[in-house]
Amino acid sequence: MALVPGMDVQGMQFAFAQADTDIEAARLLVLNAAALRESDQPYIKQAAMAKLKCAQVAQDVASKAVEWMGGVGFTKEYPCEKFYRDAKIGSIYEGTSNIHLQTIAKLIKSEYGY
């Protein structure tokens, strides 16, 4: 028996692989922004990108985890429902996605002289 239910089903393996890839990509955006900040380089655009992507990935992966759990995914017996709630509120109190997009767009515009 697999430690993770469904892990021996190829379709689920692909879904888990995609979720893990998305999480890793978001993590690398955070590390890049932090490295820029540590080296006293401009980092605001990269930080906004990281916050935007992390909020999106957290919501997406948490939502998929609830789906993967089926009906019990929304029960308090398993942590999936809390992860989903936390991901949703995180996107609100960390700043809305539109604010991050606006910051990124403004910095891209100035970067290219507009």
Foldseek 3Di string as FASTA:
>chain_A
DDPDPPCVPVVVVVVVVVLVVLVVVLVVLVVVLVVCVVVVHDRLLSVLVSLLSVLVSQLVVLVVVLVVVPPCSCPPVDCSVVSNVCSVVSCVVVDHNVVSVVSNVVVVCVVVPD
